[in-house]
Amino acid sequence: MPPLDYGTEAVGQRIARIRKERGLTQVELAEKIGTIQALISDYENDKLGLSAEMAVRFSLALDVTTDDLLALKVQKKSTKKPSLKVMRRVEQIESLPPRKQAVVLSALDSILRGAASR
């Protein structure tokens, strides 16, 4: 399974930011979730980790998805495979002597750099 990317913002920071964007105080958020303000502070300061239940409670109270709350971005593996034409060329390049491979790869790198700069 690919690694999970939580972004640069800690979960607690994200909770605090979203809460403020919604115009809620910690006390008001605590009431919506059914807990106390001190626990909201602990979550926002990353002193407490979110259980699945608390993640759902926070997402419902803040009107965001749990993915948005956790800022999950699953790194998907590329499903696109090289074409048969490209694979044949790769096999031909691999069959060349090392010096000729280096020449071909150098030319290819130059072409790709030019294409990327456009």
PDB file of N, CA and C in Angstrom:
ATOM      1  N   MET A   1       0.853  -1.181   0.000  1.00  0.00           N
ATOM      2  CA  MET A   1       0.000   0.000   0.000  1.00  0.00           C
ATOM      3  C   MET A   1       0.895   1.239   0.000  1.00  0.00           C
ATOM      4  N   PRO A   2       0.535   2.272  -0.776  1.00  0.00           N
ATOM      5  CA  PRO A   2       1.358   3.480  -0.821  1.00  0.00           C
ATOM      6  C   PRO A   2       1.304   4.223   0.510  1.00  0.00           C
ATOM      7  N   PRO A   3       2.353   5.009   0.813  1.00  0.00           N
ATOM      8  CA  PRO A   3       2.366   5.750   2.079  1.00  0.00           C
ATOM      9  C   PRO A   3       1.318   6.857   2.081  1.00  0.00           C
ATOM     10  N   LEU A   4       0.871   7.225   3.280  1.00  0.00           N
ATOM     11  CA  LEU A   4      -0.103   8.306   3.421  1.00  0.00           C
ATOM     12  C   LEU A   4       0.635   9.622   3.554  1.00  0.00           C
ATOM     13  N   ASP A   5       0.103  10.636   2.928  1.00  0.00           N
ATOM     14  CA  ASP A   5       0.675  11.971   2.980  1.00  0.00           C
ATOM     15  C   ASP A   5      -0.305  12.858   3.730  1.00  0.00           C
ATOM     16  N   TYR A   6       0.101  13.350   4.897  1.00  0.00           N
ATOM     17  CA  TYR A   6      -0.776  14.191   5.696  1.00  0.00           C
ATOM     18  C   TYR A   6      -0.549  15.681   5.447  1.00  0.00           C
ATOM     19  N   GLY A   7       0.319  16.011   4.498  1.00  0.00           N
ATOM     20  CA  GLY A   7       0.595  17.414   4.216  1.00  0.00           C
ATOM     21  C   GLY A   7       1.521  18.002   5.263  1.00  0.00           C
ATOM     22  N   THR A   8       1.717  19.319   5.219  1.00  0.00           N
ATOM     23  CA  THR A   8       2.660  19.976   6.123  1.00  0.00           C
ATOM     24  C   THR A   8       2.012  20.471   7.403  1.00  0.00           C
ATOM     25  N   GLU A   9       0.702  20.560   7.419  1.00  0.00           N
ATOM     26  CA  GLU A   9      -0.027  21.061   8.584  1.00  0.00           C
ATOM     27  C   GLU A   9      -0.388  19.890   9.495  1.00  0.00           C
ATOM     28  N   ALA A  10      -0.056  19.982  10.775  1.00  0.00           N
ATOM     29  CA  ALA A  10      -0.411  18.930  11.727  1.00  0.00           C
ATOM     30  C   ALA A  10      -1.933  18.874  11.869  1.00  0.00           C
ATOM     31  N   VAL A  11      -2.441  17.711  12.241  1.00  0.00           N
ATOM     32  CA  VAL A  11      -3.887  17.524  12.359  1.00  0.00           C
ATOM     33  C   VAL A  11      -4.484  18.535  13.339  1.00  0.00           C
ATOM     34  N   GLY A  12      -3.835  18.734  14.468  1.00  0.00           N
ATOM     35  CA  GLY A  12      -4.343  19.694  15.451  1.00  0.00           C
ATOM     36  C   GLY A  12      -4.400  21.111  14.895  1.00  0.00           C
ATOM     37  N   GLN A  13      -3.365  21.490  14.159  1.00  0.00           N
ATOM     38  CA  GLN A  13      -3.355  22.819  13.533  1.00  0.00           C
ATOM     39  C   GLN A  13      -4.495  22.948  12.537  1.00  0.00           C
ATOM     40  N   ARG A  14      -4.744  21.876  11.808  1.00  0.00           N
ATOM     41  CA  ARG A  14      -5.827  21.887  10.823  1.00  0.00           C
ATOM     42  C   ARG A  14      -7.184  22.034  11.508  1.00  0.00           C
ATOM     43  N   ILE A  15      -7.360  21.306  12.618  1.00  0.00           N
ATOM     44  CA  ILE A  15      -8.623  21.415  13.372  1.00  0.00           C
ATOM     45  C   ILE A  15      -8.820  22.853  13.833  1.00  0.00           C
ATOM     46  N   ALA A  16      -7.770  23.447  14.394  1.00  0.00           N
ATOM     47  CA  ALA A  16      -7.875  24.824  14.890  1.00  0.00           C
ATOM     48  C   ALA A  16      -8.176  25.789  13.744  1.00  0.00           C
ATOM     49  N   ARG A  17      -7.512  25.620  12.617  1.00  0.00           N
ATOM     50  CA  ARG A  17      -7.728  26.504  11.473  1.00  0.00           C
ATOM     51  C   ARG A  17      -9.167  26.402  10.968  1.00  0.00           C
ATOM     52  N   ILE A  18      -9.651  25.181  10.801  1.00  0.00           N
ATOM     53  CA  ILE A  18     -11.021  24.995  10.297  1.00  0.00           C
ATOM     54  C   ILE A  18     -12.036  25.534  11.305  1.00  0.00           C
ATOM     55  N   ARG A  19     -11.785  25.289  12.589  1.00  0.00           N
ATOM     56  CA  ARG A  19     -12.693  25.800  13.618  1.00  0.00           C
ATOM     57  C   ARG A  19     -12.789  27.317  13.531  1.00  0.00           C
ATOM     58  N   LYS A  20     -11.641  27.974  13.399  1.00  0.00           N
ATOM     59  CA  LYS A  20     -11.633  29.443  13.308  1.00  0.00           C
ATOM     60  C   LYS A  20     -12.305  29.917  12.024  1.00  0.00           C
ATOM     61  N   GLU A  21     -12.079  29.191  10.911  1.00  0.00           N
ATOM     62  CA  GLU A  21     -12.736  29.547   9.651  1.00  0.00           C
ATOM     63  C   GLU A  21     -14.256  29.459   9.782  1.00  0.00           C
ATOM     64  N   ARG A  22     -14.723  28.538  10.629  1.00  0.00           N
ATOM     65  CA  ARG A  22     -16.166  28.368  10.842  1.00  0.00           C
ATOM     66  C   ARG A  22     -16.707  29.355  11.878  1.00  0.00           C
ATOM     67  N   GLY A  23     -15.801  30.148  12.484  1.00  0.00           N
ATOM     68  CA  GLY A  23     -16.218  31.138  13.472  1.00  0.00           C
ATOM     69  C   GLY A  23     -16.613  30.543  14.805  1.00  0.00           C
ATOM     70  N   LEU A  24     -16.046  29.379  15.128  1.00  0.00           N
ATOM     71  CA  LEU A  24     -16.383  28.708  16.385  1.00  0.00           C
ATOM     72  C   LEU A  24     -15.281  28.907  17.414  1.00  0.00           C
ATOM     73  N   THR A  25     -15.675  28.994  18.674  1.00  0.00           N
ATOM     74  CA  THR A  25     -14.710  28.973  19.764  1.00  0.00           C
ATOM     75  C   THR A  25     -14.465  27.511  20.139  1.00  0.00           C
ATOM     76  N   GLN A  26     -13.451  27.287  20.944  1.00  0.00           N
ATOM     77  CA  GLN A  26     -13.209  25.924  21.421  1.00  0.00           C
ATOM     78  C   GLN A  26     -14.384  25.428  22.252  1.00  0.00           C
ATOM     79  N   VAL A  27     -14.970  26.308  23.020  1.00  0.00           N
ATOM     80  CA  VAL A  27     -16.126  25.937  23.854  1.00  0.00           C
ATOM     81  C   VAL A  27     -17.300  25.516  22.968  1.00  0.00           C
ATOM     82  N   GLU A  28     -17.562  26.286  21.918  1.00  0.00           N
ATOM     83  CA  GLU A  28     -18.679  25.960  21.022  1.00  0.00           C
ATOM     84  C   GLU A  28     -18.431  24.636  20.293  1.00  0.00           C
ATOM     85  N   LEU A  29     -17.193  24.417  19.850  1.00  0.00           N
ATOM     86  CA  LEU A  29     -16.878  23.156  19.179  1.00  0.00           C
ATOM     87  C   LEU A  29     -17.015  21.993  20.153  1.00  0.00           C
ATOM     88  N   ALA A  30     -16.570  22.185  21.378  1.00  0.00           N
ATOM     89  CA  ALA A  30     -16.683  21.135  22.392  1.00  0.00           C
ATOM     90  C   ALA A  30     -18.149  20.757  22.619  1.00  0.00           C
ATOM     91  N   GLU A  31     -19.022  21.759  22.669  1.00  0.00           N
ATOM     92  CA  GLU A  31     -20.443  21.487  22.856  1.00  0.00           C
ATOM     93  C   GLU A  31     -21.014  20.698  21.678  1.00  0.00           C
ATOM     94  N   LYS A  32     -20.602  21.047  20.455  1.00  0.00           N
ATOM     95  CA  LYS A  32     -21.101  20.337  19.267  1.00  0.00           C
ATOM     96  C   LYS A  32     -20.624  18.885  19.247  1.00  0.00           C
ATOM     97  N   ILE A  33     -19.423  18.659  19.759  1.00  0.00           N
ATOM     98  CA  ILE A  33     -18.847  17.314  19.733  1.00  0.00           C
ATOM     99  C   ILE A  33     -19.293  16.490  20.937  1.00  0.00           C
ATOM    100  N   GLY A  34     -19.611  17.175  22.022  1.00  0.00           N
ATOM    101  CA  GLY A  34     -20.010  16.467  23.237  1.00  0.00           C
ATOM    102  C   GLY A  34     -18.832  16.191  24.148  1.00  0.00           C
ATOM    103  N   THR A  35     -17.939  17.146  24.234  1.00  0.00           N
ATOM    104  CA  THR A  35     -16.776  17.012  25.109  1.00  0.00           C
ATOM    105  C   THR A  35     -16.536  18.349  25.802  1.00  0.00           C
ATOM    106  N   ILE A  36     -15.369  18.515  26.390  1.00  0.00           N
ATOM    107  CA  ILE A  36     -15.054  19.760  27.090  1.00  0.00           C
ATOM    108  C   ILE A  36     -13.978  20.537  26.334  1.00  0.00           C
ATOM    109  N   GLN A  37     -13.929  21.830  26.621  1.00  0.00           N
ATOM    110  CA  GLN A  37     -12.994  22.726  25.928  1.00  0.00           C
ATOM    111  C   GLN A  37     -11.551  22.293  26.106  1.00  0.00           C
ATOM    112  N   ALA A  38     -11.182  21.792  27.279  1.00  0.00           N
ATOM    113  CA  ALA A  38      -9.785  21.396  27.536  1.00  0.00           C
ATOM    114  C   ALA A  38      -9.339  20.302  26.573  1.00  0.00           C
ATOM    115  N   LEU A  39     -10.247  19.395  26.235  1.00  0.00           N
ATOM    116  CA  LEU A  39      -9.893  18.337  25.285  1.00  0.00           C
ATOM    117  C   LEU A  39      -9.731  18.892  23.870  1.00  0.00           C
ATOM    118  N   ILE A  40     -10.553  19.862  23.509  1.00  0.00           N
ATOM    119  CA  ILE A  40     -10.401  20.510  22.195  1.00  0.00           C
ATOM    120  C   ILE A  40      -9.011  21.132  22.113  1.00  0.00           C
ATOM    121  N   SER A  41      -8.608  21.808  23.177  1.00  0.00           N
ATOM    122  CA  SER A  41      -7.277  22.409  23.223  1.00  0.00           C
ATOM    123  C   SER A  41      -6.190  21.344  23.074  1.00  0.00           C
ATOM    124  N   ASP A  42      -6.354  20.223  23.757  1.00  0.00           N
ATOM    125  CA  ASP A  42      -5.366  19.140  23.658  1.00  0.00           C
ATOM    126  C   ASP A  42      -5.287  18.575  22.238  1.00  0.00           C
ATOM    127  N   TYR A  43      -6.427  18.425  21.581  1.00  0.00           N
ATOM    128  CA  TYR A  43      -6.415  17.949  20.189  1.00  0.00           C
ATOM    129  C   TYR A  43      -5.733  18.967  19.283  1.00  0.00           C
ATOM    130  N   GLU A  44      -6.080  20.239  19.457  1.00  0.00           N
ATOM    131  CA  GLU A  44      -5.512  21.279  18.600  1.00  0.00           C
ATOM    132  C   GLU A  44      -4.013  21.447  18.810  1.00  0.00           C
ATOM    133  N   ASN A  45      -3.538  21.124  19.994  1.00  0.00           N
ATOM    134  CA  ASN A  45      -2.102  21.217  20.273  1.00  0.00           C
ATOM    135  C   ASN A  45      -1.389  19.882  20.078  1.00  0.00           C
ATOM    136  N   ASP A  46      -2.082  18.941  19.451  1.00  0.00           N
ATOM    137  CA  ASP A  46      -1.541  17.607  19.156  1.00  0.00           C
ATOM    138  C   ASP A  46      -1.039  16.869  20.397  1.00  0.00           C
ATOM    139  N   LYS A  47      -1.664  17.151  21.537  1.00  0.00           N
ATOM    140  CA  LYS A  47      -1.359  16.400  22.753  1.00  0.00           C
ATOM    141  C   LYS A  47      -2.138  15.092  22.768  1.00  0.00           C
ATOM    142  N   LEU A  48      -3.251  15.072  22.037  1.00  0.00           N
ATOM    143  CA  LEU A  48      -4.070  13.868  21.895  1.00  0.00           C
ATOM    144  C   LEU A  48      -4.166  13.516  20.416  1.00  0.00           C
ATOM    145  N   GLY A  49      -4.057  12.232  20.126  1.00  0.00           N
ATOM    146  CA  GLY A  49      -4.259  11.766  18.753  1.00  0.00           C
ATOM    147  C   GLY A  49      -5.734  11.480  18.531  1.00  0.00           C
ATOM    148  N   LEU A  50      -6.170  11.628  17.305  1.00  0.00           N
ATOM    149  CA  LEU A  50      -7.587  11.406  16.993  1.00  0.00           C
ATOM    150  C   LEU A  50      -7.883   9.926  16.834  1.00  0.00           C
ATOM    151  N   SER A  51      -8.882   9.468  17.559  1.00  0.00           N
ATOM    152  CA  SER A  51      -9.413   8.125  17.295  1.00  0.00           C
ATOM    153  C   SER A  51     -10.327   8.250  16.083  1.00  0.00           C
ATOM    154  N   ALA A  52     -10.734   7.132  15.534  1.00  0.00           N
ATOM    155  CA  ALA A  52     -11.648   7.161  14.388  1.00  0.00           C
ATOM    156  C   ALA A  52     -12.943   7.871  14.768  1.00  0.00           C
ATOM    157  N   GLU A  53     -13.456   7.570  15.955  1.00  0.00           N
ATOM    158  CA  GLU A  53     -14.703   8.198  16.384  1.00  0.00           C
ATOM    159  C   GLU A  53     -14.563   9.709  16.506  1.00  0.00           C
ATOM    160  N   MET A  54     -13.457  10.163  17.083  1.00  0.00           N
ATOM    161  CA  MET A  54     -13.265  11.608  17.244  1.00  0.00           C
ATOM    162  C   MET A  54     -13.052  12.288  15.899  1.00  0.00           C
ATOM    163  N   ALA A  55     -12.389  11.624  14.977  1.00  0.00           N
ATOM    164  CA  ALA A  55     -12.211  12.195  13.635  1.00  0.00           C
ATOM    165  C   ALA A  55     -13.576  12.415  12.989  1.00  0.00           C
ATOM    166  N   VAL A  56     -14.478  11.441  13.153  1.00  0.00           N
ATOM    167  CA  VAL A  56     -15.826  11.563  12.600  1.00  0.00           C
ATOM    168  C   VAL A  56     -16.585  12.675  13.309  1.00  0.00           C
ATOM    169  N   ARG A  57     -16.473  12.744  14.635  1.00  0.00           N
ATOM    170  CA  ARG A  57     -17.171  13.798  15.381  1.00  0.00           C
ATOM    171  C   ARG A  57     -16.695  15.189  14.956  1.00  0.00           C
ATOM    172  N   PHE A  58     -15.360  15.359  14.853  1.00  0.00           N
ATOM    173  CA  PHE A  58     -14.819  16.651  14.428  1.00  0.00           C
ATOM    174  C   PHE A  58     -15.281  16.981  13.008  1.00  0.00           C
ATOM    175  N   SER A  59     -15.239  16.003  12.112  1.00  0.00           N
ATOM    176  CA  SER A  59     -15.622  16.288  10.725  1.00  0.00           C
ATOM    177  C   SER A  59     -17.094  16.677  10.629  1.00  0.00           C
ATOM    178  N   LEU A  60     -17.951  16.013  11.389  1.00  0.00           N
ATOM    179  CA  LEU A  60     -19.375  16.368  11.376  1.00  0.00           C
ATOM    180  C   LEU A  60     -19.608  17.758  11.975  1.00  0.00           C
ATOM    181  N   ALA A  61     -18.944  18.035  13.083  1.00  0.00           N
ATOM    182  CA  ALA A  61     -19.129  19.321  13.758  1.00  0.00           C
ATOM    183  C   ALA A  61     -18.575  20.477  12.918  1.00  0.00           C
ATOM    184  N   LEU A  62     -17.509  20.218  12.185  1.00  0.00           N
ATOM    185  CA  LEU A  62     -16.884  21.269  11.380  1.00  0.00           C
ATOM    186  C   LEU A  62     -17.372  21.273   9.929  1.00  0.00           C
ATOM    187  N   ASP A  63     -18.245  20.324   9.599  1.00  0.00           N
ATOM    188  CA  ASP A  63     -18.819  20.221   8.257  1.00  0.00           C
ATOM    189  C   ASP A  63     -17.746  20.058   7.175  1.00  0.00           C
ATOM    190  N   VAL A  64     -16.837  19.108   7.431  1.00  0.00           N
ATOM    191  CA  VAL A  64     -15.816  18.725   6.451  1.00  0.00           C
ATOM    192  C   VAL A  64     -15.764  17.204   6.398  1.00  0.00           C
ATOM    193  N   THR A  65     -15.184  16.669   5.351  1.00  0.00           N
ATOM    194  CA  THR A  65     -15.018  15.224   5.287  1.00  0.00           C
ATOM    195  C   THR A  65     -13.851  14.828   6.190  1.00  0.00           C
ATOM    196  N   THR A  66     -13.809  13.571   6.561  1.00  0.00           N
ATOM    197  CA  THR A  66     -12.669  13.108   7.364  1.00  0.00           C
ATOM    198  C   THR A  66     -11.383  13.211   6.559  1.00  0.00           C
ATOM    199  N   ASP A  67     -11.452  12.981   5.253  1.00  0.00           N
ATOM    200  CA  ASP A  67     -10.258  13.157   4.412  1.00  0.00           C
ATOM    201  C   ASP A  67      -9.779  14.602   4.460  1.00  0.00           C
ATOM    202  N   ASP A  68     -10.714  15.558   4.398  1.00  0.00           N
ATOM    203  CA  ASP A  68     -10.326  16.962   4.489  1.00  0.00           C
ATOM    204  C   ASP A  68      -9.764  17.285   5.871  1.00  0.00           C
ATOM    205  N   LEU A  69     -10.368  16.724   6.897  1.00  0.00           N
ATOM    206  CA  LEU A  69      -9.896  16.968   8.259  1.00  0.00           C
ATOM    207  C   LEU A  69      -8.478  16.437   8.442  1.00  0.00           C
ATOM    208  N   LEU A  70      -8.245  15.244   7.927  1.00  0.00           N
ATOM    209  CA  LEU A  70      -6.922  14.631   8.064  1.00  0.00           C
ATOM    210  C   LEU A  70      -5.980  15.036   6.943  1.00  0.00           C
ATOM    211  N   ALA A  71      -6.525  15.688   5.918  1.00  0.00           N
ATOM    212  CA  ALA A  71      -5.768  16.119   4.732  1.00  0.00           C
ATOM    213  C   ALA A  71      -5.042  14.944   4.104  1.00  0.00           C
ATOM    214  N   LEU A  72      -5.750  13.834   3.970  1.00  0.00           N
ATOM    215  CA  LEU A  72      -5.138  12.654   3.380  1.00  0.00           C
ATOM    216  C   LEU A  72      -5.032  12.799   1.876  1.00  0.00           C
ATOM    217  N   LYS A  73      -3.855  12.521   1.407  1.00  0.00           N
ATOM    218  CA  LYS A  73      -3.612  12.485  -0.031  1.00  0.00           C
ATOM    219  C   LYS A  73      -2.875  11.190  -0.298  1.00  0.00           C
ATOM    220  N   VAL A  74      -3.595  10.198  -0.723  1.00  0.00           N
ATOM    221  CA  VAL A  74      -2.972   8.904  -0.978  1.00  0.00           C
ATOM    222  C   VAL A  74      -2.173   9.000  -2.259  1.00  0.00           C
ATOM    223  N   GLN A  75      -0.915   8.600  -2.156  1.00  0.00           N
ATOM    224  CA  GLN A  75      -0.057   8.613  -3.334  1.00  0.00           C
ATOM    225  C   GLN A  75      -0.366   7.379  -4.164  1.00  0.00           C
ATOM    226  N   LYS A  76      -0.983   7.619  -5.301  1.00  0.00           N
ATOM    227  CA  LYS A  76      -1.375   6.509  -6.153  1.00  0.00           C
ATOM    228  C   LYS A  76      -0.236   6.148  -7.086  1.00  0.00           C
ATOM    229  N   LYS A  77      -0.078   4.865  -7.269  1.00  0.00           N
ATOM    230  CA  LYS A  77       0.915   4.402  -8.225  1.00  0.00           C
ATOM    231  C   LYS A  77       0.378   4.669  -9.619  1.00  0.00           C
ATOM    232  N   SER A  78       1.274   5.021 -10.500  1.00  0.00           N
ATOM    233  CA  SER A  78       0.873   5.267 -11.871  1.00  0.00           C
ATOM    234  C   SER A  78       0.386   3.970 -12.494  1.00  0.00           C
ATOM    235  N   THR A  79      -0.773   4.028 -13.098  1.00  0.00           N
ATOM    236  CA  THR A  79      -1.313   2.834 -13.744  1.00  0.00           C
ATOM    237  C   THR A  79      -1.008   2.839 -15.233  1.00  0.00           C
ATOM    238  N   LYS A  80      -0.458   3.946 -15.723  1.00  0.00           N
ATOM    239  CA  LYS A  80      -0.128   4.029 -17.131  1.00  0.00           C
ATOM    240  C   LYS A  80       1.159   3.259 -17.384  1.00  0.00           C
ATOM    241  N   LYS A  81       1.099   2.373 -18.356  1.00  0.00           N
ATOM    242  CA  LYS A  81       2.260   1.561 -18.697  1.00  0.00           C
ATOM    243  C   LYS A  81       2.862   2.090 -19.992  1.00  0.00           C
ATOM    244  N   PRO A  82       4.177   1.946 -20.128  1.00  0.00           N
ATOM    245  CA  PRO A  82       4.806   2.388 -21.374  1.00  0.00           C
ATOM    246  C   PRO A  82       4.238   1.609 -22.559  1.00  0.00           C
ATOM    247  N   SER A  83       4.193   2.265 -23.702  1.00  0.00           N
ATOM    248  CA  SER A  83       3.684   1.603 -24.894  1.00  0.00           C
ATOM    249  C   SER A  83       4.660   0.520 -25.341  1.00  0.00           C
ATOM    250  N   LEU A  84       4.169  -0.385 -26.146  1.00  0.00           N
ATOM    251  CA  LEU A  84       4.995  -1.465 -26.672  1.00  0.00           C
ATOM    252  C   LEU A  84       6.148  -0.894 -27.492  1.00  0.00           C
ATOM    253  N   LYS A  85       5.879   0.189 -28.238  1.00  0.00           N
ATOM    254  CA  LYS A  85       6.915   0.833 -29.043  1.00  0.00           C
ATOM    255  C   LYS A  85       8.063   1.335 -28.155  1.00  0.00           C
ATOM    256  N   VAL A  86       7.704   1.978 -27.037  1.00  0.00           N
ATOM    257  CA  VAL A  86       8.715   2.485 -26.108  1.00  0.00           C
ATOM    258  C   VAL A  86       9.481   1.330 -25.475  1.00  0.00           C
ATOM    259  N   MET A  87       8.779   0.287 -25.081  1.00  0.00           N
ATOM    260  CA  MET A  87       9.447  -0.865 -24.457  1.00  0.00           C
ATOM    261  C   MET A  87      10.423  -1.534 -25.420  1.00  0.00           C
ATOM    262  N   ARG A  88      10.064  -1.611 -26.690  1.00  0.00           N
ATOM    263  CA  ARG A  88      10.995  -2.184 -27.675  1.00  0.00           C
ATOM    264  C   ARG A  88      12.246  -1.343 -27.787  1.00  0.00           C
ATOM    265  N   ARG A  89      12.078  -0.015 -27.770  1.00  0.00           N
ATOM    266  CA  ARG A  89      13.245   0.878 -27.844  1.00  0.00           C
ATOM    267  C   ARG A  89      14.133   0.707 -26.610  1.00  0.00           C
ATOM    268  N   VAL A  90      13.513   0.562 -25.461  1.00  0.00           N
ATOM    269  CA  VAL A  90      14.281   0.362 -24.226  1.00  0.00           C
ATOM    270  C   VAL A  90      15.100  -0.921 -24.327  1.00  0.00           C
ATOM    271  N   GLU A  91      14.491  -1.966 -24.804  1.00  0.00           N
ATOM    272  CA  GLU A  91      15.216  -3.233 -24.974  1.00  0.00           C
ATOM    273  C   GLU A  91      16.389  -3.061 -25.939  1.00  0.00           C
ATOM    274  N   GLN A  92      16.182  -2.315 -27.028  1.00  0.00           N
ATOM    275  CA  GLN A  92      17.264  -2.078 -27.989  1.00  0.00           C
ATOM    276  C   GLN A  92      18.393  -1.283 -27.337  1.00  0.00           C
ATOM    277  N   ILE A  93      18.035  -0.269 -26.554  1.00  0.00           N
ATOM    278  CA  ILE A  93      19.053   0.536 -25.875  1.00  0.00           C
ATOM    279  C   ILE A  93      19.835  -0.324 -24.891  1.00  0.00           C
ATOM    280  N   GLU A  94      19.136  -1.171 -24.142  1.00  0.00           N
ATOM    281  CA  GLU A  94      19.805  -2.042 -23.173  1.00  0.00           C
ATOM    282  C   GLU A  94      20.752  -3.034 -23.837  1.00  0.00           C
ATOM    283  N   SER A  95      20.513  -3.368 -25.094  1.00  0.00           N
ATOM    284  CA  SER A  95      21.396  -4.321 -25.777  1.00  0.00           C
ATOM    285  C   SER A  95      22.651  -3.651 -26.331  1.00  0.00           C
ATOM    286  N   LEU A  96      22.692  -2.319 -26.321  1.00  0.00           N
ATOM    287  CA  LEU A  96      23.871  -1.598 -26.806  1.00  0.00           C
ATOM    288  C   LEU A  96      25.018  -1.694 -25.803  1.00  0.00           C
ATOM    289  N   PRO A  97      26.249  -1.504 -26.273  1.00  0.00           N
ATOM    290  CA  PRO A  97      27.387  -1.430 -25.348  1.00  0.00           C
ATOM    291  C   PRO A  97      27.215  -0.208 -24.430  1.00  0.00           C
ATOM    292  N   PRO A  98      27.809  -0.242 -23.242  1.00  0.00           N
ATOM    293  CA  PRO A  98      27.631   0.841 -22.262  1.00  0.00           C
ATOM    294  C   PRO A  98      27.920   2.239 -22.806  1.00  0.00           C
ATOM    295  N   ARG A  99      28.949   2.404 -23.627  1.00  0.00           N
ATOM    296  CA  ARG A  99      29.282   3.740 -24.155  1.00  0.00           C
ATOM    297  C   ARG A  99      28.168   4.265 -25.064  1.00  0.00           C
ATOM    298  N   LYS A 100      27.624   3.388 -25.909  1.00  0.00           N
ATOM    299  CA  LYS A 100      26.547   3.809 -26.803  1.00  0.00           C
ATOM    300  C   LYS A 100      25.262   4.067 -26.018  1.00  0.00           C
ATOM    301  N   GLN A 101      25.035   3.288 -24.959  1.00  0.00           N
ATOM    302  CA  GLN A 101      23.873   3.543 -24.094  1.00  0.00           C
ATOM    303  C   GLN A 101      23.975   4.944 -23.506  1.00  0.00           C
ATOM    304  N   ALA A 102      25.166   5.307 -23.049  1.00  0.00           N
ATOM    305  CA  ALA A 102      25.384   6.619 -22.444  1.00  0.00           C
ATOM    306  C   ALA A 102      25.094   7.731 -23.450  1.00  0.00           C
ATOM    307  N   VAL A 103      25.503   7.535 -24.706  1.00  0.00           N
ATOM    308  CA  VAL A 103      25.258   8.536 -25.743  1.00  0.00           C
ATOM    309  C   VAL A 103      23.751   8.690 -25.987  1.00  0.00           C
ATOM    310  N   VAL A 104      23.061   7.566 -26.124  1.00  0.00           N
ATOM    311  CA  VAL A 104      21.618   7.603 -26.372  1.00  0.00           C
ATOM    312  C   VAL A 104      20.897   8.257 -25.193  1.00  0.00           C
ATOM    313  N   LEU A 105      21.250   7.881 -23.969  1.00  0.00           N
ATOM    314  CA  LEU A 105      20.587   8.439 -22.790  1.00  0.00           C
ATOM    315  C   LEU A 105      20.882   9.929 -22.639  1.00  0.00           C
ATOM    316  N   SER A 106      22.088  10.336 -22.969  1.00  0.00           N
ATOM    317  CA  SER A 106      22.436  11.754 -22.901  1.00  0.00           C
ATOM    318  C   SER A 106      21.594  12.552 -23.895  1.00  0.00           C
ATOM    319  N   ALA A 107      21.456  12.032 -25.107  1.00  0.00           N
ATOM    320  CA  ALA A 107      20.639  12.711 -26.118  1.00  0.00           C
ATOM    321  C   ALA A 107      19.176  12.760 -25.669  1.00  0.00           C
ATOM    322  N   LEU A 108      18.695  11.664 -25.132  1.00  0.00           N
ATOM    323  CA  LEU A 108      17.315  11.600 -24.650  1.00  0.00           C
ATOM    324  C   LEU A 108      17.087  12.585 -23.511  1.00  0.00           C
ATOM    325  N   ASP A 109      18.040  12.650 -22.570  1.00  0.00           N
ATOM    326  CA  ASP A 109      17.928  13.609 -21.463  1.00  0.00           C
ATOM    327  C   ASP A 109      17.862  15.039 -21.978  1.00  0.00           C
ATOM    328  N   SER A 110      18.668  15.354 -22.973  1.00  0.00           N
ATOM    329  CA  SER A 110      18.676  16.697 -23.556  1.00  0.00           C
ATOM    330  C   SER A 110      17.332  17.036 -24.180  1.00  0.00           C
ATOM    331  N   ILE A 111      16.774  16.097 -24.901  1.00  0.00           N
ATOM    332  CA  ILE A 111      15.469  16.302 -25.542  1.00  0.00           C
ATOM    333  C   ILE A 111      14.380  16.498 -24.482  1.00  0.00           C
ATOM    334  N   LEU A 112      14.406  15.664 -23.448  1.00  0.00           N
ATOM    335  CA  LEU A 112      13.382  15.749 -22.387  1.00  0.00           C
ATOM    336  C   LEU A 112      13.490  17.063 -21.609  1.00  0.00           C
ATOM    337  N   ARG A 113      14.719  17.519 -21.354  1.00  0.00           N
ATOM    338  CA  ARG A 113      14.894  18.803 -20.655  1.00  0.00           C
ATOM    339  C   ARG A 113      14.318  19.938 -21.490  1.00  0.00           C
ATOM    340  N   GLY A 114      14.566  19.885 -22.807  1.00  0.00           N
ATOM    341  CA  GLY A 114      14.026  20.909 -23.700  1.00  0.00           C
ATOM    342  C   GLY A 114      12.515  20.904 -23.717  1.00  0.00           C
ATOM    343  N   ALA A 115      11.914  19.735 -23.702  1.00  0.00           N
ATOM    344  CA  ALA A 115      10.461  19.617 -23.708  1.00  0.00           C
ATOM    345  C   ALA A 115       9.873  20.114 -22.393  1.00  0.00           C
ATOM    346  N   ALA A 116      10.562  19.851 -21.281  1.00  0.00           N
ATOM    347  CA  ALA A 116      10.065  20.254 -19.961  1.00  0.00           C
ATOM    348  C   ALA A 116      10.125  21.768 -19.768  1.00  0.00           C
ATOM    349  N   SER A 117      11.055  22.429 -20.439  1.00  0.00           N
ATOM    350  CA  SER A 117      11.211  23.883 -20.253  1.00  0.00           C
ATOM    351  C   SER A 117      10.212  24.681 -21.070  1.00  0.00           C
ATOM    352  N   ARG A 118       9.456  24.035 -21.911  1.00  0.00           N
ATOM    353  CA  ARG A 118       8.464  24.747 -22.747  1.00  0.00           C
ATOM    354  C   ARG A 118       7.193  24.970 -22.034  1.00  0.00           C
TER     355      ARG A 118
END
